[in-house]
Amino acid sequence: MLGIAAIAYVDECLERGYPLRAGINHTLGLDYNEEDNPTTDHYVVIVGRKCDKGTLTYLYWDVGTKRGESADYRFQLIDGYKCSWKRE
Protein backbone atom coordinates (compact mmCIF):
# COMPACT_ATOMS: atom_id res chain seq x y z
CA MET A 1 0.00 0.00 0.00
CA LEU A 2 1.44 3.34 -1.11
CA GLY A 3 0.33 5.22 2.02
CA ILE A 4 2.17 2.83 4.35
CA ALA A 5 5.37 3.15 2.28
CA ALA A 6 5.04 6.95 2.36
CA ILE A 7 4.69 7.01 6.16
CA ALA A 8 7.70 4.67 6.47
CA TYR A 9 9.70 7.10 4.31
CA VAL A 10 8.65 10.07 6.48
CA ASP A 11 9.64 8.15 9.62
CA GLU A 12 13.02 7.17 8.15
CA CYS A 13 13.81 10.77 7.17
CA LEU A 14 12.88 12.08 10.60
CA GLU A 15 14.92 9.37 12.36
CA ARG A 16 17.96 10.49 10.32
CA GLY A 17 17.32 14.11 11.27
CA TYR A 18 16.09 15.23 7.84
CA PRO A 19 13.02 17.43 7.48
CA LEU A 20 10.99 16.85 4.33
CA ARG A 21 8.62 18.79 2.11
CA ALA A 22 5.12 17.41 1.72
CA GLY A 23 2.44 18.41 -0.75
CA ILE A 24 -1.03 18.72 0.74
CA ASN A 25 -4.57 19.42 -0.41
CA HIS A 26 -5.36 22.78 1.20
CA THR A 27 -8.53 24.26 -0.30
CA LEU A 28 -9.43 26.79 2.40
CA GLY A 29 -13.04 25.73 1.88
CA LEU A 30 -13.12 26.74 -1.79
CA ASP A 31 -13.50 23.20 -3.21
CA TYR A 32 -12.05 24.05 -6.64
CA ASN A 33 -11.42 20.90 -8.68
CA GLU A 34 -11.85 18.72 -5.61
CA GLU A 35 -14.58 16.22 -6.43
CA ASP A 36 -12.97 14.48 -9.39
CA ASN A 37 -9.28 14.99 -8.71
CA PRO A 38 -8.10 16.41 -5.37
CA THR A 39 -4.86 18.25 -6.02
CA THR A 40 -1.71 19.21 -4.20
CA ASP A 41 -2.01 22.96 -3.88
CA HIS A 42 0.15 23.79 -0.86
CA TYR A 43 3.41 22.59 0.70
CA VAL A 44 4.59 22.22 4.27
CA VAL A 45 7.84 20.99 5.84
CA ILE A 46 7.49 18.02 8.20
CA VAL A 47 10.05 18.56 10.97
CA GLY A 48 9.25 16.07 13.71
CA ARG A 49 7.01 13.43 15.20
CA LYS A 50 5.67 12.73 18.67
CA CYS A 51 3.18 10.61 20.49
CA ASP A 52 0.41 12.67 22.07
CA LYS A 53 -1.84 10.70 24.45
CA GLY A 54 -1.32 7.52 22.44
CA THR A 55 -1.80 9.21 19.07
CA LEU A 56 1.11 9.65 16.67
CA THR A 57 1.39 13.19 15.28
CA TYR A 58 3.77 14.79 12.80
CA LEU A 59 4.91 18.36 13.43
CA TYR A 60 5.20 20.64 10.42
CA TRP A 61 6.10 24.20 9.48
CA ASP A 62 3.78 26.03 7.13
CA VAL A 63 6.29 28.10 5.19
CA GLY A 64 3.53 29.75 3.15
CA THR A 65 2.14 31.73 6.08
CA LYS A 66 3.49 34.50 8.27
CA ARG A 67 3.28 32.22 11.33
CA GLY A 68 5.49 29.59 9.71
CA GLU A 69 6.39 27.54 12.78
CA SER A 70 3.72 26.83 15.37
CA ALA A 71 3.26 24.13 18.00
CA ASP A 72 -0.34 23.95 16.76
CA TYR A 73 0.69 22.68 13.31
CA ARG A 74 0.37 18.89 13.36
CA PHE A 75 -0.81 16.02 11.24
CA GLN A 76 -2.49 13.16 13.07
CA LEU A 77 -1.82 9.64 11.82
CA ILE A 78 -5.05 7.76 11.08
CA ASP A 79 -5.37 4.03 10.32
CA GLY A 80 -1.57 3.70 10.20
CA TYR A 81 -1.18 5.33 6.78
CA LYS A 82 -3.25 8.52 6.44
CA CYS A 83 -2.59 11.96 7.89
CA SER A 84 -5.21 14.52 8.81
CA TRP A 85 -4.94 18.12 9.97
CA LYS A 86 -4.88 18.56 13.70
CA ARG A 87 -5.26 22.04 15.12
CA GLU A 88 -5.43 22.80 18.80
C-alpha atoms as a PDB file:
ATOM      1  CA  MET A   1       0.000   0.000   0.000  1.00  0.00           C
ATOM      2  CA  LEU A   2       1.444   3.338  -1.106  1.00  0.00           C
ATOM      3  CA  GLY A   3       0.333   5.220   2.022  1.00  0.00           C
ATOM      4  CA  ILE A   4       2.169   2.829   4.345  1.00  0.00           C
ATOM      5  CA  ALA A   5       5.370   3.151   2.283  1.00  0.00           C
ATOM      6  CA  ALA A   6       5.042   6.954   2.362  1.00  0.00           C
ATOM      7  CA  ILE A   7       4.689   7.006   6.161  1.00  0.00           C
ATOM      8  CA  ALA A   8       7.703   4.665   6.466  1.00  0.00           C
ATOM      9  CA  TYR A   9       9.704   7.101   4.308  1.00  0.00           C
ATOM     10  CA  VAL A  10       8.652  10.068   6.476  1.00  0.00           C
ATOM     11  CA  ASP A  11       9.635   8.151   9.618  1.00  0.00           C
ATOM     12  CA  GLU A  12      13.018   7.175   8.146  1.00  0.00           C
ATOM     13  CA  CYS A  13      13.814  10.769   7.173  1.00  0.00           C
ATOM     14  CA  LEU A  14      12.880  12.083  10.605  1.00  0.00           C
ATOM     15  CA  GLU A  15      14.916   9.369  12.357  1.00  0.00           C
ATOM     16  CA  ARG A  16      17.955  10.490  10.323  1.00  0.00           C
ATOM     17  CA  GLY A  17      17.321  14.110  11.270  1.00  0.00           C
ATOM     18  CA  TYR A  18      16.093  15.230   7.837  1.00  0.00           C
ATOM     19  CA  PRO A  19      13.023  17.432   7.480  1.00  0.00           C
ATOM     20  CA  LEU A  20      10.989  16.850   4.325  1.00  0.00           C
ATOM     21  CA  ARG A  21       8.625  18.788   2.112  1.00  0.00           C
ATOM     22  CA  ALA A  22       5.115  17.406   1.716  1.00  0.00           C
ATOM     23  CA  GLY A  23       2.440  18.411  -0.752  1.00  0.00           C
ATOM     24  CA  ILE A  24      -1.030  18.720   0.735  1.00  0.00           C
ATOM     25  CA  ASN A  25      -4.569  19.422  -0.409  1.00  0.00           C
ATOM     26  CA  HIS A  26      -5.361  22.778   1.197  1.00  0.00           C
ATOM     27  CA  THR A  27      -8.530  24.260  -0.304  1.00  0.00           C
ATOM     28  CA  LEU A  28      -9.433  26.787   2.396  1.00  0.00           C
ATOM     29  CA  GLY A  29     -13.041  25.732   1.881  1.00  0.00           C
ATOM     30  CA  LEU A  30     -13.123  26.742  -1.787  1.00  0.00           C
ATOM     31  CA  ASP A  31     -13.501  23.204  -3.214  1.00  0.00           C
ATOM     32  CA  TYR A  32     -12.046  24.054  -6.642  1.00  0.00           C
ATOM     33  CA  ASN A  33     -11.416  20.897  -8.676  1.00  0.00           C
ATOM     34  CA  GLU A  34     -11.846  18.723  -5.608  1.00  0.00           C
ATOM     35  CA  GLU A  35     -14.575  16.221  -6.427  1.00  0.00           C
ATOM     36  CA  ASP A  36     -12.972  14.477  -9.385  1.00  0.00           C
ATOM     37  CA  ASN A  37      -9.278  14.989  -8.707  1.00  0.00           C
ATOM     38  CA  PRO A  38      -8.096  16.407  -5.367  1.00  0.00           C
ATOM     39  CA  THR A  39      -4.862  18.253  -6.022  1.00  0.00           C
ATOM     40  CA  THR A  40      -1.709  19.211  -4.196  1.00  0.00           C
ATOM     41  CA  ASP A  41      -2.011  22.958  -3.880  1.00  0.00           C
ATOM     42  CA  HIS A  42       0.152  23.792  -0.855  1.00  0.00           C
ATOM     43  CA  TYR A  43       3.406  22.586   0.699  1.00  0.00           C
ATOM     44  CA  VAL A  44       4.594  22.221   4.273  1.00  0.00           C
ATOM     45  CA  VAL A  45       7.841  20.993   5.841  1.00  0.00           C
ATOM     46  CA  ILE A  46       7.494  18.021   8.205  1.00  0.00           C
ATOM     47  CA  VAL A  47      10.053  18.565  10.966  1.00  0.00           C
ATOM     48  CA  GLY A  48       9.249  16.072  13.714  1.00  0.00           C
ATOM     49  CA  ARG A  49       7.012  13.430  15.197  1.00  0.00           C
ATOM     50  CA  LYS A  50       5.674  12.733  18.666  1.00  0.00           C
ATOM     51  CA  CYS A  51       3.176  10.606  20.491  1.00  0.00           C
ATOM     52  CA  ASP A  52       0.413  12.671  22.071  1.00  0.00           C
ATOM     53  CA  LYS A  53      -1.837  10.704  24.453  1.00  0.00           C
ATOM     54  CA  GLY A  54      -1.317   7.520  22.437  1.00  0.00           C
ATOM     55  CA  THR A  55      -1.800   9.213  19.065  1.00  0.00           C
ATOM     56  CA  LEU A  56       1.105   9.654  16.667  1.00  0.00           C
ATOM     57  CA  THR A  57       1.389  13.189  15.285  1.00  0.00           C
ATOM     58  CA  TYR A  58       3.774  14.792  12.798  1.00  0.00           C
ATOM     59  CA  LEU A  59       4.909  18.359  13.433  1.00  0.00           C
ATOM     60  CA  TYR A  60       5.204  20.640  10.424  1.00  0.00           C
ATOM     61  CA  TRP A  61       6.096  24.196   9.481  1.00  0.00           C
ATOM     62  CA  ASP A  62       3.776  26.032   7.132  1.00  0.00           C
ATOM     63  CA  VAL A  63       6.286  28.101   5.193  1.00  0.00           C
ATOM     64  CA  GLY A  64       3.526  29.748   3.150  1.00  0.00           C
ATOM     65  CA  THR A  65       2.144  31.730   6.080  1.00  0.00           C
ATOM     66  CA  LYS A  66       3.494  34.503   8.271  1.00  0.00           C
ATOM     67  CA  ARG A  67       3.281  32.224  11.333  1.00  0.00           C
ATOM     68  CA  GLY A  68       5.493  29.586   9.708  1.00  0.00           C
ATOM     69  CA  GLU A  69       6.388  27.536  12.777  1.00  0.00           C
ATOM     70  CA  SER A  70       3.718  26.826  15.371  1.00  0.00           C
ATOM     71  CA  ALA A  71       3.260  24.135  18.003  1.00  0.00           C
ATOM     72  CA  ASP A  72      -0.339  23.955  16.757  1.00  0.00           C
ATOM     73  CA  TYR A  73       0.689  22.681  13.315  1.00  0.00           C
ATOM     74  CA  ARG A  74       0.373  18.892  13.362  1.00  0.00           C
ATOM     75  CA  PHE A  75      -0.807  16.021  11.240  1.00  0.00           C
ATOM     76  CA  GLN A  76      -2.492  13.160  13.074  1.00  0.00           C
ATOM     77  CA  LEU A  77      -1.817   9.636  11.823  1.00  0.00           C
ATOM     78  CA  ILE A  78      -5.053   7.758  11.082  1.00  0.00           C
ATOM     79  CA  ASP A  79      -5.368   4.028  10.321  1.00  0.00           C
ATOM     80  CA  GLY A  80      -1.574   3.702  10.201  1.00  0.00           C
ATOM     81  CA  TYR A  81      -1.182   5.327   6.783  1.00  0.00           C
ATOM     82  CA  LYS A  82      -3.250   8.523   6.437  1.00  0.00           C
ATOM     83  CA  CYS A  83      -2.589  11.964   7.890  1.00  0.00           C
ATOM     84  CA  SER A  84      -5.207  14.519   8.807  1.00  0.00           C
ATOM     85  CA  TRP A  85      -4.943  18.123   9.966  1.00  0.00           C
ATOM     86  CA  LYS A  86      -4.882  18.559  13.700  1.00  0.00           C
ATOM     87  CA  ARG A  87      -5.258  22.039  15.115  1.00  0.00           C
ATOM     88  CA  GLU A  88      -5.426  22.802  18.796  1.00  0.00           C
END
